[in-house]
Amino acid sequence: MPVFQKAFVLIKVAPGHTEGVVDSLMKIPEVTEAHIIPGDWDIITVINSQKEVIVPSDEKVYRLVLDKIEKIKHVQDTSTMVSQFSKTK
């Protein structure tokens, strides 16, 4: 059974483009949730990256953010938090 690494990415977006960025985020297979939030950041996303023996999941998360999320038009900044332990109900 595959094991996944969960990460949370806070995203700043150019004014007026938040919903479009959410739509683009949801096209990325590893993005499971995207929420528009108030405050210093505009969006929080949840990503799940499958853990592998060869490539550490933290590196996969890093590549996903750099290669896919930060390249979305109107994304201005990101901050990534990788979960080390999770429980869900």
C-alpha atoms as a PDB file:
ATOM      1  CA  MET A   1       0.000   0.000   0.000  1.00  0.00           C
ATOM      2  CA  PRO A   2       1.483   3.389  -0.989  1.00  0.00           C
ATOM      3  CA  VAL A   3       2.437   5.880   1.703  1.00  0.00           C
ATOM      4  CA  PHE A   4       1.953   9.603   1.095  1.00  0.00           C
ATOM      5  CA  GLN A   5       3.641  12.722   2.444  1.00  0.00           C
ATOM      6  CA  LYS A   6       1.208  15.556   3.134  1.00  0.00           C
ATOM      7  CA  ALA A   7       2.249  19.171   2.714  1.00  0.00           C
ATOM      8  CA  PHE A   8       0.510  22.526   2.956  1.00  0.00           C
ATOM      9  CA  VAL A   9       1.380  25.360   0.596  1.00  0.00           C
ATOM     10  CA  LEU A  10       0.429  28.971   1.309  1.00  0.00           C
ATOM     11  CA  ILE A  11       0.187  31.029  -1.876  1.00  0.00           C
ATOM     12  CA  LYS A  12       0.121  34.771  -2.602  1.00  0.00           C
ATOM     13  CA  VAL A  13      -1.678  35.709  -5.809  1.00  0.00           C
ATOM     14  CA  ALA A  14      -1.864  38.887  -7.900  1.00  0.00           C
ATOM     15  CA  PRO A  15      -5.063  40.787  -7.062  1.00  0.00           C
ATOM     16  CA  GLY A  16      -8.125  39.609  -8.961  1.00  0.00           C
ATOM     17  CA  HIS A  17      -6.711  36.219  -9.948  1.00  0.00           C
ATOM     18  CA  THR A  18      -7.325  34.043  -6.898  1.00  0.00           C
ATOM     19  CA  GLU A  19     -10.149  31.909  -8.307  1.00  0.00           C
ATOM     20  CA  GLY A  20      -8.264  31.307 -11.557  1.00  0.00           C
ATOM     21  CA  VAL A  21      -5.207  30.141  -9.630  1.00  0.00           C
ATOM     22  CA  VAL A  22      -7.399  27.786  -7.574  1.00  0.00           C
ATOM     23  CA  ASP A  23      -8.740  26.309 -10.823  1.00  0.00           C
ATOM     24  CA  SER A  24      -5.173  25.815 -12.094  1.00  0.00           C
ATOM     25  CA  LEU A  25      -4.066  24.235  -8.809  1.00  0.00           C
ATOM     26  CA  MET A  26      -6.865  21.677  -8.944  1.00  0.00           C
ATOM     27  CA  LYS A  27      -5.539  20.433 -12.306  1.00  0.00           C
ATOM     28  CA  ILE A  28      -2.342  19.259 -10.561  1.00  0.00           C
ATOM     29  CA  PRO A  29      -2.879  15.599  -9.569  1.00  0.00           C
ATOM     30  CA  GLU A  30      -1.052  15.913  -6.226  1.00  0.00           C
ATOM     31  CA  VAL A  31      -3.207  18.860  -5.106  1.00  0.00           C
ATOM     32  CA  THR A  32      -6.136  17.453  -3.143  1.00  0.00           C
ATOM     33  CA  GLU A  33      -7.535  20.690  -1.710  1.00  0.00           C
ATOM     34  CA  ALA A  34      -7.325  24.419  -2.410  1.00  0.00           C
ATOM     35  CA  HIS A  35      -8.930  27.021  -0.126  1.00  0.00           C
ATOM     36  CA  ILE A  36      -9.183  30.800  -0.499  1.00  0.00           C
ATOM     37  CA  ILE A  37      -8.288  32.317   2.875  1.00  0.00           C
ATOM     38  CA  PRO A  38      -8.197  35.822   4.400  1.00  0.00           C
ATOM     39  CA  GLY A  39      -4.999  37.411   5.681  1.00  0.00           C
ATOM     40  CA  ASP A  40      -1.422  37.661   4.443  1.00  0.00           C
ATOM     41  CA  TRP A  41      -1.813  34.668   2.108  1.00  0.00           C
ATOM     42  CA  ASP A  42      -4.573  34.173  -0.474  1.00  0.00           C
ATOM     43  CA  ILE A  43      -4.751  30.389  -0.861  1.00  0.00           C
ATOM     44  CA  ILE A  44      -3.809  27.323   1.154  1.00  0.00           C
ATOM     45  CA  THR A  45      -3.454  24.035  -0.689  1.00  0.00           C
ATOM     46  CA  VAL A  46      -3.034  20.493   0.524  1.00  0.00           C
ATOM     47  CA  ILE A  47      -0.779  18.260  -1.529  1.00  0.00           C
ATOM     48  CA  ASN A  48      -0.106  14.551  -1.191  1.00  0.00           C
ATOM     49  CA  SER A  49       3.145  13.209  -2.585  1.00  0.00           C
ATOM     50  CA  GLN A  50       3.746   9.469  -2.699  1.00  0.00           C
ATOM     51  CA  LYS A  51       6.785   8.413  -0.704  1.00  0.00           C
ATOM     52  CA  GLU A  52       9.404   6.497  -2.653  1.00  0.00           C
ATOM     53  CA  VAL A  53      12.622   4.779  -1.684  1.00  0.00           C
ATOM     54  CA  ILE A  54      14.745   6.522  -4.334  1.00  0.00           C
ATOM     55  CA  VAL A  55      13.486  10.128  -4.055  1.00  0.00           C
ATOM     56  CA  PRO A  56      12.709  11.524  -0.589  1.00  0.00           C
ATOM     57  CA  SER A  57       9.145  12.830  -0.373  1.00  0.00           C
ATOM     58  CA  ASP A  58      10.363  16.219   0.889  1.00  0.00           C
ATOM     59  CA  GLU A  59      12.309  16.594  -2.357  1.00  0.00           C
ATOM     60  CA  LYS A  60       9.231  15.590  -4.380  1.00  0.00           C
ATOM     61  CA  VAL A  61       7.186  18.249  -2.572  1.00  0.00           C
ATOM     62  CA  TYR A  62       9.911  20.829  -3.228  1.00  0.00           C
ATOM     63  CA  ARG A  63      10.017  19.969  -6.953  1.00  0.00           C
ATOM     64  CA  LEU A  64       6.217  20.057  -7.180  1.00  0.00           C
ATOM     65  CA  VAL A  65       6.097  23.544  -5.673  1.00  0.00           C
ATOM     66  CA  LEU A  66       8.946  24.882  -7.835  1.00  0.00           C
ATOM     67  CA  ASP A  67       8.057  23.151 -11.093  1.00  0.00           C
ATOM     68  CA  LYS A  68       4.263  23.331 -11.031  1.00  0.00           C
ATOM     69  CA  ILE A  69       2.753  25.636  -8.408  1.00  0.00           C
ATOM     70  CA  GLU A  70       5.171  28.570  -8.675  1.00  0.00           C
ATOM     71  CA  LYS A  71       4.889  28.494 -12.476  1.00  0.00           C
ATOM     72  CA  ILE A  72       1.133  29.104 -12.423  1.00  0.00           C
ATOM     73  CA  LYS A  73       0.421  32.531 -13.884  1.00  0.00           C
ATOM     74  CA  HIS A  74      -0.268  35.179 -11.193  1.00  0.00           C
ATOM     75  CA  VAL A  75       1.333  33.192  -8.336  1.00  0.00           C
ATOM     76  CA  GLN A  76       3.610  35.687  -6.578  1.00  0.00           C
ATOM     77  CA  ASP A  77       4.992  33.777  -3.574  1.00  0.00           C
ATOM     78  CA  THR A  78       4.691  30.470  -1.710  1.00  0.00           C
ATOM     79  CA  SER A  79       5.479  29.053   1.699  1.00  0.00           C
ATOM     80  CA  THR A  80       5.541  25.281   2.144  1.00  0.00           C
ATOM     81  CA  MET A  81       5.042  23.275   5.315  1.00  0.00           C
ATOM     82  CA  VAL A  82       5.661  19.526   5.218  1.00  0.00           C
ATOM     83  CA  SER A  83       3.797  17.443   7.747  1.00  0.00           C
ATOM     84  CA  GLN A  84       5.898  15.035   9.767  1.00  0.00           C
ATOM     85  CA  PHE A  85       2.945  13.307  11.462  1.00  0.00           C
ATOM     86  CA  SER A  86      -0.782  13.473  10.754  1.00  0.00           C
ATOM     87  CA  LYS A  87      -4.044  12.134  12.100  1.00  0.00           C
ATOM     88  CA  THR A  88      -7.355  12.595  10.372  1.00  0.00           C
ATOM     89  CA  LYS A  89     -10.830  11.716  11.406  1.00  0.00           C
END
